[in-house]
N, C-alpha and C. Protein backbone atom coordinates (compact mmCIF):
# COMPACT_ATOMS: atom_id res chain seq x y z
N UNK A 1 -11.82 -4.70 -9.12
CA UNK A 1 -11.19 -4.34 -10.38
C UNK A 1 -10.24 -5.46 -10.77
N UNK A 2 -10.32 -5.94 -11.99
CA UNK A 2 -9.45 -7.00 -12.48
C UNK A 2 -8.90 -6.64 -13.84
N UNK A 3 -7.65 -7.03 -14.09
CA UNK A 3 -7.04 -6.88 -15.40
C UNK A 3 -6.80 -8.30 -15.90
N UNK A 4 -7.50 -8.72 -16.95
CA UNK A 4 -7.47 -10.10 -17.41
C UNK A 4 -6.61 -10.23 -18.65
N UNK A 5 -5.90 -11.34 -18.76
CA UNK A 5 -5.14 -11.67 -19.95
C UNK A 5 -5.44 -13.10 -20.31
N UNK A 6 -5.26 -13.44 -21.60
CA UNK A 6 -5.49 -14.80 -22.07
C UNK A 6 -4.18 -15.57 -22.02
N UNK A 7 -4.12 -16.57 -21.17
CA UNK A 7 -2.95 -17.42 -21.08
C UNK A 7 -3.36 -18.70 -20.37
N UNK A 8 -2.63 -19.78 -20.60
CA UNK A 8 -2.96 -21.04 -19.95
C UNK A 8 -2.98 -20.87 -18.44
N UNK A 9 -3.98 -21.49 -17.78
CA UNK A 9 -4.18 -21.27 -16.36
C UNK A 9 -2.95 -21.65 -15.54
N UNK A 10 -2.19 -22.67 -15.99
CA UNK A 10 -1.03 -23.09 -15.20
C UNK A 10 0.08 -22.05 -15.22
N UNK A 11 0.02 -21.07 -16.13
CA UNK A 11 1.04 -20.04 -16.22
C UNK A 11 0.62 -18.73 -15.55
N UNK A 12 -0.63 -18.61 -15.21
CA UNK A 12 -1.12 -17.33 -14.71
C UNK A 12 -0.81 -17.14 -13.23
N UNK A 13 -0.51 -15.91 -12.89
CA UNK A 13 -0.24 -15.53 -11.50
C UNK A 13 -1.29 -14.51 -11.09
N UNK A 14 -1.96 -14.77 -9.98
CA UNK A 14 -2.91 -13.82 -9.44
C UNK A 14 -2.22 -12.92 -8.43
N UNK A 15 -2.33 -11.63 -8.64
CA UNK A 15 -1.89 -10.63 -7.67
C UNK A 15 -3.12 -10.15 -6.94
N UNK A 16 -3.31 -10.65 -5.74
CA UNK A 16 -4.46 -10.28 -4.92
C UNK A 16 -4.02 -9.11 -4.04
N UNK A 17 -4.46 -7.92 -4.39
CA UNK A 17 -3.82 -6.72 -3.87
C UNK A 17 -4.78 -5.76 -3.20
N UNK A 18 -4.21 -4.92 -2.37
CA UNK A 18 -4.92 -3.78 -1.81
C UNK A 18 -5.22 -2.78 -2.92
N UNK A 19 -6.43 -2.25 -2.95
CA UNK A 19 -6.80 -1.29 -3.96
C UNK A 19 -5.94 -0.04 -3.97
N UNK A 20 -5.30 0.25 -2.83
CA UNK A 20 -4.41 1.41 -2.77
C UNK A 20 -3.16 1.23 -3.62
N UNK A 21 -2.89 -0.01 -4.06
CA UNK A 21 -1.69 -0.29 -4.85
C UNK A 21 -2.00 -0.53 -6.32
N UNK A 22 -3.26 -0.38 -6.71
CA UNK A 22 -3.67 -0.75 -8.07
C UNK A 22 -2.88 0.00 -9.14
N UNK A 23 -2.76 1.30 -9.00
CA UNK A 23 -2.09 2.11 -10.02
C UNK A 23 -0.62 1.70 -10.17
N UNK A 24 0.05 1.47 -9.04
CA UNK A 24 1.46 1.12 -9.06
C UNK A 24 1.68 -0.27 -9.66
N UNK A 25 0.84 -1.23 -9.29
CA UNK A 25 0.99 -2.58 -9.83
C UNK A 25 0.71 -2.59 -11.33
N UNK A 26 -0.31 -1.88 -11.77
CA UNK A 26 -0.59 -1.81 -13.20
C UNK A 26 0.58 -1.20 -13.96
N UNK A 27 1.20 -0.17 -13.38
CA UNK A 27 2.35 0.46 -14.03
C UNK A 27 3.51 -0.53 -14.16
N UNK A 28 3.75 -1.33 -13.13
CA UNK A 28 4.82 -2.32 -13.19
C UNK A 28 4.52 -3.43 -14.20
N UNK A 29 3.27 -3.87 -14.26
CA UNK A 29 2.89 -4.89 -15.24
C UNK A 29 3.13 -4.39 -16.66
N UNK A 30 2.70 -3.14 -16.92
CA UNK A 30 2.89 -2.57 -18.26
C UNK A 30 4.37 -2.41 -18.59
N UNK A 31 5.13 -1.86 -17.65
CA UNK A 31 6.53 -1.55 -17.91
C UNK A 31 7.37 -2.81 -18.15
N UNK A 32 6.97 -3.92 -17.52
CA UNK A 32 7.76 -5.14 -17.61
C UNK A 32 7.17 -6.19 -18.54
N UNK A 33 6.00 -5.90 -19.11
CA UNK A 33 5.38 -6.85 -20.01
C UNK A 33 4.97 -8.15 -19.34
N UNK A 34 4.55 -8.06 -18.09
CA UNK A 34 4.16 -9.26 -17.34
C UNK A 34 2.72 -9.65 -17.70
N UNK A 35 2.52 -10.14 -18.89
CA UNK A 35 1.17 -10.41 -19.37
C UNK A 35 0.53 -11.62 -18.72
N UNK A 36 1.31 -12.42 -18.02
CA UNK A 36 0.75 -13.58 -17.34
C UNK A 36 0.20 -13.23 -15.96
N UNK A 37 0.39 -11.98 -15.53
CA UNK A 37 -0.10 -11.57 -14.22
C UNK A 37 -1.49 -10.98 -14.33
N UNK A 38 -2.35 -11.38 -13.40
CA UNK A 38 -3.73 -10.91 -13.34
C UNK A 38 -3.92 -10.18 -12.02
N UNK A 39 -4.32 -8.94 -12.08
CA UNK A 39 -4.50 -8.13 -10.88
C UNK A 39 -5.96 -8.14 -10.43
N UNK A 40 -6.17 -8.50 -9.18
CA UNK A 40 -7.50 -8.40 -8.57
C UNK A 40 -7.35 -7.63 -7.27
N UNK A 41 -8.06 -6.52 -7.14
CA UNK A 41 -7.90 -5.65 -5.98
C UNK A 41 -9.10 -5.72 -5.05
N UNK A 42 -8.81 -5.76 -3.77
CA UNK A 42 -9.83 -5.59 -2.74
C UNK A 42 -9.94 -4.09 -2.41
N UNK A 43 -11.08 -3.67 -1.86
CA UNK A 43 -11.28 -2.23 -1.65
C UNK A 43 -10.22 -1.61 -0.74
N UNK A 44 -9.71 -0.48 -1.16
CA UNK A 44 -8.72 0.23 -0.34
C UNK A 44 -9.31 0.64 1.00
N UNK A 45 -10.63 0.80 1.06
CA UNK A 45 -11.29 1.23 2.30
C UNK A 45 -11.12 0.22 3.43
N UNK A 46 -10.71 -1.01 3.11
CA UNK A 46 -10.46 -1.99 4.17
C UNK A 46 -9.39 -1.50 5.15
N UNK A 47 -8.54 -0.58 4.70
CA UNK A 47 -7.52 -0.06 5.60
C UNK A 47 -8.12 0.70 6.77
N UNK A 48 -9.35 1.16 6.63
CA UNK A 48 -10.01 1.86 7.73
C UNK A 48 -10.51 0.89 8.78
N UNK A 49 -10.62 -0.40 8.42
CA UNK A 49 -11.02 -1.46 9.35
C UNK A 49 -10.09 -2.66 9.13
N UNK A 50 -8.83 -2.56 9.51
CA UNK A 50 -7.85 -3.59 9.16
C UNK A 50 -8.16 -4.98 9.71
N UNK A 51 -8.97 -5.04 10.76
CA UNK A 51 -9.34 -6.36 11.28
C UNK A 51 -10.15 -7.18 10.29
N UNK A 52 -10.70 -6.52 9.27
CA UNK A 52 -11.48 -7.23 8.26
C UNK A 52 -10.64 -7.73 7.08
N UNK A 53 -9.38 -7.31 7.02
CA UNK A 53 -8.54 -7.67 5.87
C UNK A 53 -8.31 -9.17 5.76
N UNK A 54 -7.95 -9.88 6.85
CA UNK A 54 -7.70 -11.32 6.69
C UNK A 54 -8.89 -12.10 6.14
N UNK A 55 -10.09 -11.81 6.63
CA UNK A 55 -11.27 -12.52 6.12
C UNK A 55 -11.52 -12.20 4.65
N UNK A 56 -11.33 -10.93 4.27
CA UNK A 56 -11.54 -10.54 2.87
C UNK A 56 -10.52 -11.21 1.96
N UNK A 57 -9.28 -11.30 2.41
CA UNK A 57 -8.25 -11.97 1.63
C UNK A 57 -8.56 -13.46 1.51
N UNK A 58 -8.96 -14.09 2.60
CA UNK A 58 -9.27 -15.52 2.55
C UNK A 58 -10.42 -15.81 1.59
N UNK A 59 -11.46 -14.98 1.64
CA UNK A 59 -12.59 -15.19 0.73
C UNK A 59 -12.15 -15.06 -0.72
N UNK A 60 -11.31 -14.08 -1.01
CA UNK A 60 -10.84 -13.89 -2.39
C UNK A 60 -9.94 -15.04 -2.83
N UNK A 61 -9.05 -15.49 -1.95
CA UNK A 61 -8.18 -16.61 -2.30
C UNK A 61 -9.01 -17.84 -2.60
N UNK A 62 -10.00 -18.12 -1.77
CA UNK A 62 -10.82 -19.32 -1.98
C UNK A 62 -11.63 -19.24 -3.26
N UNK A 63 -12.05 -18.03 -3.63
CA UNK A 63 -12.87 -17.90 -4.83
C UNK A 63 -12.03 -17.96 -6.11
N UNK A 64 -10.72 -17.68 -6.00
CA UNK A 64 -9.86 -17.59 -7.18
C UNK A 64 -8.86 -18.74 -7.30
N UNK A 65 -8.72 -19.54 -6.25
CA UNK A 65 -7.63 -20.51 -6.20
C UNK A 65 -7.63 -21.47 -7.39
N UNK A 66 -8.79 -21.94 -7.81
CA UNK A 66 -8.85 -22.93 -8.89
C UNK A 66 -8.38 -22.37 -10.23
N UNK A 67 -8.37 -21.06 -10.38
CA UNK A 67 -8.02 -20.44 -11.66
C UNK A 67 -6.53 -20.20 -11.83
N UNK A 68 -5.75 -20.28 -10.75
CA UNK A 68 -4.36 -19.82 -10.81
C UNK A 68 -3.41 -20.81 -10.16
N UNK A 69 -2.26 -20.99 -10.80
CA UNK A 69 -1.22 -21.83 -10.22
C UNK A 69 -0.54 -21.14 -9.05
N UNK A 70 -0.44 -19.81 -9.13
CA UNK A 70 0.27 -19.03 -8.11
C UNK A 70 -0.58 -17.84 -7.69
N UNK A 71 -0.65 -17.61 -6.38
CA UNK A 71 -1.33 -16.43 -5.85
C UNK A 71 -0.35 -15.70 -4.94
N UNK A 72 -0.16 -14.42 -5.19
CA UNK A 72 0.64 -13.57 -4.31
C UNK A 72 -0.28 -12.53 -3.69
N UNK A 73 -0.31 -12.48 -2.37
CA UNK A 73 -1.10 -11.47 -1.66
C UNK A 73 -0.26 -10.21 -1.54
N UNK A 74 -0.68 -9.18 -2.24
CA UNK A 74 0.10 -7.94 -2.29
C UNK A 74 -0.45 -6.96 -1.26
N UNK A 75 -0.30 -7.37 -0.03
CA UNK A 75 -0.54 -6.56 1.16
C UNK A 75 0.71 -6.71 2.02
N UNK A 76 1.00 -5.68 2.81
CA UNK A 76 1.90 -5.86 3.93
C UNK A 76 1.03 -6.23 5.14
N UNK A 77 1.57 -6.10 6.35
CA UNK A 77 0.75 -6.42 7.53
C UNK A 77 -0.45 -5.48 7.63
N UNK A 78 -0.24 -4.20 7.32
CA UNK A 78 -1.33 -3.22 7.16
C UNK A 78 -2.22 -3.11 8.40
N UNK A 79 -1.61 -3.18 9.58
CA UNK A 79 -2.37 -2.96 10.80
C UNK A 79 -3.13 -4.16 11.30
N UNK A 80 -2.88 -5.36 10.75
CA UNK A 80 -3.61 -6.55 11.20
C UNK A 80 -2.93 -7.24 12.37
N UNK A 81 -1.80 -6.73 12.83
CA UNK A 81 -1.14 -7.31 13.98
C UNK A 81 -0.67 -8.73 13.78
N UNK A 82 -0.23 -9.05 12.58
CA UNK A 82 0.25 -10.38 12.27
C UNK A 82 -0.83 -11.36 11.84
N UNK A 83 -2.09 -10.96 11.92
CA UNK A 83 -3.18 -11.87 11.57
C UNK A 83 -3.22 -12.20 10.09
N UNK A 84 -2.86 -11.23 9.25
CA UNK A 84 -2.88 -11.51 7.81
C UNK A 84 -1.78 -12.50 7.45
N UNK A 85 -0.60 -12.34 8.02
CA UNK A 85 0.48 -13.28 7.75
C UNK A 85 0.09 -14.69 8.17
N UNK A 86 -0.52 -14.80 9.34
CA UNK A 86 -0.95 -16.12 9.83
C UNK A 86 -2.01 -16.73 8.91
N UNK A 87 -2.92 -15.90 8.42
CA UNK A 87 -3.97 -16.40 7.53
C UNK A 87 -3.39 -16.84 6.20
N UNK A 88 -2.45 -16.08 5.67
CA UNK A 88 -1.82 -16.47 4.41
C UNK A 88 -1.05 -17.77 4.56
N UNK A 89 -0.39 -17.92 5.70
CA UNK A 89 0.34 -19.16 5.96
C UNK A 89 -0.64 -20.35 6.00
N UNK A 90 -1.77 -20.16 6.65
CA UNK A 90 -2.80 -21.21 6.72
C UNK A 90 -3.34 -21.55 5.33
N UNK A 91 -3.50 -20.52 4.49
CA UNK A 91 -4.03 -20.72 3.14
C UNK A 91 -2.97 -21.24 2.17
N UNK A 92 -1.71 -21.18 2.57
CA UNK A 92 -0.64 -21.65 1.69
C UNK A 92 -0.32 -20.71 0.56
N UNK A 93 -0.48 -19.40 0.80
CA UNK A 93 -0.15 -18.40 -0.22
C UNK A 93 0.90 -17.45 0.34
N UNK A 94 1.71 -16.90 -0.56
CA UNK A 94 2.74 -15.94 -0.17
C UNK A 94 2.14 -14.53 -0.07
N UNK A 95 2.78 -13.72 0.77
CA UNK A 95 2.42 -12.30 0.82
C UNK A 95 3.70 -11.49 0.80
N UNK A 96 3.56 -10.23 0.41
CA UNK A 96 4.72 -9.35 0.33
C UNK A 96 5.20 -9.03 1.73
N UNK A 97 6.51 -8.90 1.90
CA UNK A 97 7.09 -8.65 3.22
C UNK A 97 6.99 -7.18 3.59
N UNK A 98 6.83 -6.92 4.88
CA UNK A 98 6.86 -5.56 5.38
C UNK A 98 5.69 -5.24 6.27
N UNK A 99 5.84 -4.25 7.14
CA UNK A 99 4.76 -3.87 8.04
C UNK A 99 3.65 -3.06 7.37
N UNK A 100 4.00 -2.32 6.32
CA UNK A 100 3.01 -1.47 5.63
C UNK A 100 3.63 -1.00 4.32
N UNK A 101 2.82 -0.34 3.51
CA UNK A 101 3.30 0.05 2.18
C UNK A 101 4.38 1.13 2.26
N UNK A 102 4.39 1.96 3.31
CA UNK A 102 5.46 2.96 3.44
C UNK A 102 6.80 2.24 3.47
N UNK A 103 6.83 1.14 4.19
CA UNK A 103 8.07 0.41 4.35
C UNK A 103 8.52 -0.24 3.05
N UNK A 104 7.63 -0.96 2.36
CA UNK A 104 8.12 -1.64 1.16
C UNK A 104 8.35 -0.69 -0.01
N UNK A 105 7.68 0.46 -0.04
CA UNK A 105 8.03 1.44 -1.07
C UNK A 105 9.42 2.03 -0.79
N UNK A 106 9.69 2.34 0.45
CA UNK A 106 10.98 2.91 0.81
C UNK A 106 12.08 1.85 0.75
N UNK A 107 11.68 0.58 0.81
CA UNK A 107 12.61 -0.53 0.95
C UNK A 107 12.60 -0.92 2.42
N UNK A 108 12.19 -2.16 2.72
CA UNK A 108 12.01 -2.55 4.11
C UNK A 108 13.26 -2.34 4.96
N UNK A 109 14.42 -2.68 4.41
CA UNK A 109 15.65 -2.51 5.18
C UNK A 109 15.95 -1.04 5.45
N UNK A 110 15.82 -0.21 4.41
CA UNK A 110 16.09 1.22 4.58
C UNK A 110 15.10 1.85 5.54
N UNK A 111 13.83 1.46 5.44
CA UNK A 111 12.81 2.03 6.31
C UNK A 111 13.09 1.67 7.77
N UNK A 112 13.42 0.40 8.00
CA UNK A 112 13.72 -0.03 9.37
C UNK A 112 14.93 0.70 9.94
N UNK A 113 15.95 0.90 9.12
CA UNK A 113 17.17 1.56 9.58
C UNK A 113 16.94 3.03 9.91
N UNK A 114 15.92 3.64 9.28
CA UNK A 114 15.67 5.08 9.48
C UNK A 114 14.73 5.36 10.63
N UNK A 115 14.15 4.33 11.24
CA UNK A 115 13.10 4.57 12.22
C UNK A 115 13.58 5.32 13.46
N UNK A 116 14.82 5.13 13.84
CA UNK A 116 15.31 5.83 15.03
C UNK A 116 15.32 7.34 14.82
N UNK A 117 15.60 7.76 13.60
CA UNK A 117 15.65 9.20 13.31
C UNK A 117 14.34 9.74 12.76
N UNK A 118 13.42 8.84 12.37
CA UNK A 118 12.18 9.30 11.75
C UNK A 118 10.94 8.85 12.52
N UNK A 119 11.09 8.60 13.81
CA UNK A 119 9.95 8.10 14.58
C UNK A 119 8.88 9.17 14.79
N UNK A 120 9.18 10.44 14.50
CA UNK A 120 8.18 11.49 14.59
C UNK A 120 7.66 11.90 13.21
N UNK A 121 7.87 11.04 12.21
CA UNK A 121 7.43 11.35 10.84
C UNK A 121 6.08 10.70 10.55
N UNK A 122 5.26 11.40 9.80
CA UNK A 122 3.99 10.89 9.28
C UNK A 122 4.18 10.72 7.78
N UNK A 123 3.83 9.54 7.25
CA UNK A 123 4.16 9.20 5.87
C UNK A 123 2.93 9.21 4.97
N UNK A 124 3.14 9.66 3.74
CA UNK A 124 2.15 9.55 2.69
C UNK A 124 2.79 8.91 1.46
N UNK A 125 1.98 8.18 0.70
CA UNK A 125 2.38 7.64 -0.60
C UNK A 125 1.61 8.39 -1.69
N UNK A 126 1.87 8.06 -2.94
CA UNK A 126 1.11 8.69 -4.03
C UNK A 126 -0.39 8.52 -3.80
N UNK A 127 -0.80 7.30 -3.47
CA UNK A 127 -2.22 7.04 -3.26
C UNK A 127 -2.77 7.92 -2.14
N UNK A 128 -2.08 8.00 -1.03
CA UNK A 128 -2.59 8.76 0.11
C UNK A 128 -2.57 10.26 -0.13
N UNK A 129 -1.65 10.73 -0.97
CA UNK A 129 -1.71 12.14 -1.35
C UNK A 129 -2.98 12.40 -2.15
N UNK A 130 -3.27 11.52 -3.11
CA UNK A 130 -4.49 11.69 -3.92
C UNK A 130 -5.75 11.59 -3.06
N UNK A 131 -5.71 10.72 -2.08
CA UNK A 131 -6.91 10.41 -1.27
C UNK A 131 -6.76 10.94 0.16
N UNK A 132 -6.06 12.05 0.33
CA UNK A 132 -5.77 12.56 1.67
C UNK A 132 -7.04 12.82 2.48
N UNK A 133 -8.01 13.46 1.87
CA UNK A 133 -9.23 13.76 2.60
C UNK A 133 -9.99 12.49 2.97
N UNK A 134 -10.08 11.54 2.03
CA UNK A 134 -10.87 10.33 2.25
C UNK A 134 -10.22 9.37 3.23
N UNK A 135 -8.87 9.34 3.29
CA UNK A 135 -8.20 8.34 4.11
C UNK A 135 -7.50 8.91 5.34
N UNK A 136 -7.36 10.23 5.42
CA UNK A 136 -6.71 10.83 6.58
C UNK A 136 -7.63 11.86 7.24
N UNK A 137 -7.96 12.90 6.50
CA UNK A 137 -8.63 14.05 7.10
C UNK A 137 -10.01 13.70 7.66
N UNK A 138 -10.85 13.07 6.84
CA UNK A 138 -12.21 12.76 7.31
C UNK A 138 -12.26 11.61 8.30
N UNK A 139 -11.55 10.48 8.06
CA UNK A 139 -11.60 9.40 9.05
C UNK A 139 -11.12 9.81 10.44
N UNK A 140 -10.21 10.76 10.50
CA UNK A 140 -9.73 11.23 11.80
C UNK A 140 -10.61 12.32 12.40
N UNK A 141 -11.68 12.68 11.68
CA UNK A 141 -12.64 13.65 12.19
C UNK A 141 -12.19 15.08 12.10
N UNK A 142 -11.10 15.35 11.34
CA UNK A 142 -10.57 16.71 11.27
C UNK A 142 -11.44 17.64 10.45
N UNK A 143 -12.30 17.07 9.59
CA UNK A 143 -13.23 17.93 8.84
C UNK A 143 -14.30 18.49 9.76
N UNK A 144 -14.64 17.75 10.80
CA UNK A 144 -15.68 18.18 11.75
C UNK A 144 -15.10 18.85 12.99
N UNK A 145 -13.91 18.43 13.37
CA UNK A 145 -13.30 18.95 14.60
C UNK A 145 -11.83 19.28 14.35
N UNK A 146 -11.56 20.36 13.63
CA UNK A 146 -10.17 20.70 13.31
C UNK A 146 -9.31 20.91 14.55
N UNK A 147 -9.95 21.17 15.69
CA UNK A 147 -9.19 21.37 16.91
C UNK A 147 -8.48 20.10 17.37
N UNK A 148 -8.87 18.94 16.78
CA UNK A 148 -8.22 17.68 17.12
C UNK A 148 -6.82 17.55 16.52
N UNK A 149 -6.51 18.43 15.58
CA UNK A 149 -5.24 18.30 14.86
C UNK A 149 -4.05 18.24 15.80
N UNK A 150 -3.99 19.19 16.74
CA UNK A 150 -2.82 19.24 17.60
C UNK A 150 -2.75 18.05 18.54
N UNK A 151 -3.91 17.52 18.92
CA UNK A 151 -3.91 16.33 19.78
C UNK A 151 -3.44 15.10 19.00
N UNK A 152 -3.93 14.96 17.75
CA UNK A 152 -3.60 13.78 16.95
C UNK A 152 -2.18 13.83 16.39
N UNK A 153 -1.72 15.03 16.06
CA UNK A 153 -0.43 15.15 15.37
C UNK A 153 0.60 15.93 16.18
N UNK A 154 0.31 16.17 17.43
CA UNK A 154 1.22 16.95 18.25
C UNK A 154 2.59 16.32 18.45
N UNK A 155 2.65 14.99 18.35
CA UNK A 155 3.93 14.31 18.54
C UNK A 155 4.70 14.08 17.23
N UNK A 156 4.08 14.49 16.12
CA UNK A 156 4.77 14.41 14.82
C UNK A 156 5.48 15.73 14.55
N UNK A 157 6.54 15.66 13.79
CA UNK A 157 7.25 16.88 13.40
C UNK A 157 7.28 17.09 11.90
N UNK A 158 7.23 15.98 11.12
CA UNK A 158 7.46 16.07 9.68
C UNK A 158 6.51 15.15 8.93
N UNK A 159 5.98 15.63 7.82
CA UNK A 159 5.28 14.78 6.88
C UNK A 159 6.27 14.41 5.78
N UNK A 160 6.51 13.11 5.61
CA UNK A 160 7.42 12.64 4.56
C UNK A 160 6.58 12.00 3.46
N UNK A 161 6.66 12.60 2.29
CA UNK A 161 5.96 12.07 1.11
C UNK A 161 6.90 11.12 0.40
N UNK A 162 6.58 9.82 0.47
CA UNK A 162 7.33 8.80 -0.25
C UNK A 162 6.74 8.71 -1.66
N UNK A 163 7.41 9.30 -2.61
CA UNK A 163 6.85 9.47 -3.95
C UNK A 163 7.21 8.29 -4.84
N UNK A 164 6.19 7.66 -5.42
CA UNK A 164 6.43 6.60 -6.38
C UNK A 164 6.70 7.15 -7.78
N UNK A 165 6.21 8.33 -8.05
CA UNK A 165 6.36 8.94 -9.36
C UNK A 165 6.83 10.39 -9.21
N UNK A 166 7.38 10.94 -10.29
CA UNK A 166 7.75 12.36 -10.31
C UNK A 166 6.57 13.13 -10.88
N UNK A 167 5.76 13.67 -9.99
CA UNK A 167 4.53 14.36 -10.40
C UNK A 167 4.45 15.66 -9.60
N UNK A 168 4.73 16.80 -10.23
CA UNK A 168 4.70 18.07 -9.51
C UNK A 168 3.35 18.36 -8.86
N UNK A 169 2.26 17.91 -9.49
CA UNK A 169 0.94 18.15 -8.91
C UNK A 169 0.78 17.41 -7.58
N UNK A 170 1.24 16.16 -7.54
CA UNK A 170 1.17 15.41 -6.28
C UNK A 170 2.10 16.01 -5.24
N UNK A 171 3.26 16.46 -5.66
CA UNK A 171 4.19 17.12 -4.75
C UNK A 171 3.54 18.33 -4.10
N UNK A 172 2.85 19.12 -4.90
CA UNK A 172 2.17 20.31 -4.37
C UNK A 172 1.06 19.92 -3.40
N UNK A 173 0.31 18.87 -3.74
CA UNK A 173 -0.77 18.42 -2.85
C UNK A 173 -0.21 17.90 -1.53
N UNK A 174 0.91 17.20 -1.60
CA UNK A 174 1.51 16.68 -0.38
C UNK A 174 1.99 17.81 0.52
N UNK A 175 2.54 18.84 -0.09
CA UNK A 175 3.01 19.98 0.70
C UNK A 175 1.84 20.70 1.36
N UNK A 176 0.72 20.80 0.66
CA UNK A 176 -0.49 21.38 1.25
C UNK A 176 -0.96 20.52 2.43
N UNK A 177 -0.92 19.19 2.26
CA UNK A 177 -1.32 18.29 3.35
C UNK A 177 -0.46 18.52 4.58
N UNK A 178 0.85 18.70 4.37
CA UNK A 178 1.74 18.96 5.50
C UNK A 178 1.36 20.24 6.22
N UNK A 179 1.05 21.27 5.46
CA UNK A 179 0.65 22.54 6.09
C UNK A 179 -0.66 22.36 6.86
N UNK A 180 -1.59 21.61 6.30
CA UNK A 180 -2.87 21.40 6.99
C UNK A 180 -2.68 20.68 8.32
N UNK A 181 -1.68 19.81 8.36
CA UNK A 181 -1.40 19.07 9.59
C UNK A 181 -0.43 19.80 10.51
N UNK A 182 0.08 20.93 10.06
CA UNK A 182 1.02 21.70 10.88
C UNK A 182 2.39 21.06 10.99
N UNK A 183 2.82 20.36 9.93
CA UNK A 183 4.08 19.63 9.96
C UNK A 183 5.06 20.18 8.92
N UNK A 184 6.34 20.01 9.19
CA UNK A 184 7.35 20.29 8.18
C UNK A 184 7.18 19.30 7.04
N UNK A 185 7.71 19.66 5.88
CA UNK A 185 7.49 18.83 4.69
C UNK A 185 8.80 18.31 4.13
N UNK A 186 8.80 17.03 3.76
CA UNK A 186 9.93 16.42 3.09
C UNK A 186 9.41 15.48 2.01
N UNK A 187 10.01 15.55 0.83
CA UNK A 187 9.66 14.63 -0.26
C UNK A 187 10.83 13.69 -0.51
N UNK A 188 10.53 12.39 -0.60
CA UNK A 188 11.57 11.40 -0.87
C UNK A 188 11.10 10.52 -2.02
N UNK A 189 11.84 10.53 -3.11
CA UNK A 189 11.47 9.68 -4.24
C UNK A 189 11.92 8.25 -3.95
N UNK A 190 10.97 7.31 -3.97
CA UNK A 190 11.29 5.91 -3.71
C UNK A 190 11.10 5.04 -4.94
N UNK A 191 10.32 5.51 -5.93
CA UNK A 191 9.89 4.59 -6.97
C UNK A 191 9.02 3.52 -6.34
N UNK A 192 9.11 2.29 -6.87
CA UNK A 192 8.24 1.22 -6.38
C UNK A 192 8.92 0.31 -5.37
N UNK A 193 10.19 0.55 -5.08
CA UNK A 193 10.88 -0.10 -4.00
C UNK A 193 10.77 -1.61 -4.01
N UNK A 194 10.50 -2.20 -2.84
CA UNK A 194 10.43 -3.65 -2.70
C UNK A 194 9.20 -4.23 -3.39
N UNK A 195 8.21 -3.41 -3.70
CA UNK A 195 7.06 -3.91 -4.46
C UNK A 195 7.53 -4.42 -5.83
N UNK A 196 8.35 -3.63 -6.50
CA UNK A 196 8.87 -4.04 -7.81
C UNK A 196 9.70 -5.31 -7.70
N UNK A 197 10.52 -5.39 -6.65
CA UNK A 197 11.37 -6.57 -6.49
C UNK A 197 10.54 -7.81 -6.17
N UNK A 198 9.48 -7.65 -5.38
CA UNK A 198 8.64 -8.80 -5.05
C UNK A 198 7.92 -9.34 -6.27
N UNK A 199 7.43 -8.46 -7.13
CA UNK A 199 6.75 -8.91 -8.34
C UNK A 199 7.74 -9.52 -9.33
N UNK A 200 8.91 -8.92 -9.43
CA UNK A 200 9.93 -9.47 -10.35
C UNK A 200 10.35 -10.88 -9.93
N UNK A 201 10.30 -11.15 -8.63
CA UNK A 201 10.75 -12.45 -8.14
C UNK A 201 9.83 -13.59 -8.57
N UNK A 202 8.57 -13.25 -8.88
CA UNK A 202 7.64 -14.31 -9.30
C UNK A 202 7.31 -14.20 -10.79
N UNK A 203 7.95 -13.26 -11.48
CA UNK A 203 7.64 -13.02 -12.89
C UNK A 203 8.07 -14.23 -13.75
């Protein structure tokens, strides 16, 4: 998926992003009038096989590099164990800071400071609430073997929904997800957190 704008190539910025962030990035582009930014998303399903993310990012960077003066990789580490950061460094492109999207939505500093008290929390974002079955329930085999729930989530106590938007429908879905996982429910409004700040820094 790409959002194209007409502007001189030397002024254009490519946002090479995870598909799970498409809605949020588009909202920030619209709200701030960043017409020089071009969004290109890789499939969100790559999160199910994070070892494939660095190669997918490299292929996209190489295919787009000639068109853009600046490329920002809008992924966090996302389970690559530092491999994506190393690949971006090799390619000479910047990437957004943070271990995962939960952290940069909450704010990397705030998220890190809360880990001692929230180490038994399971996190969802707007995207993961919408795609709970596709990205949590089915990949973990809970649709076929619901008895796995207590084994997989027995060490968690709370589902924390990090909300990017105020949407009662998503809030209700997140609360249902918490019940399905047998967890207490907490909603925390984060907005776009460090994602907004990272994009503003290159605007």
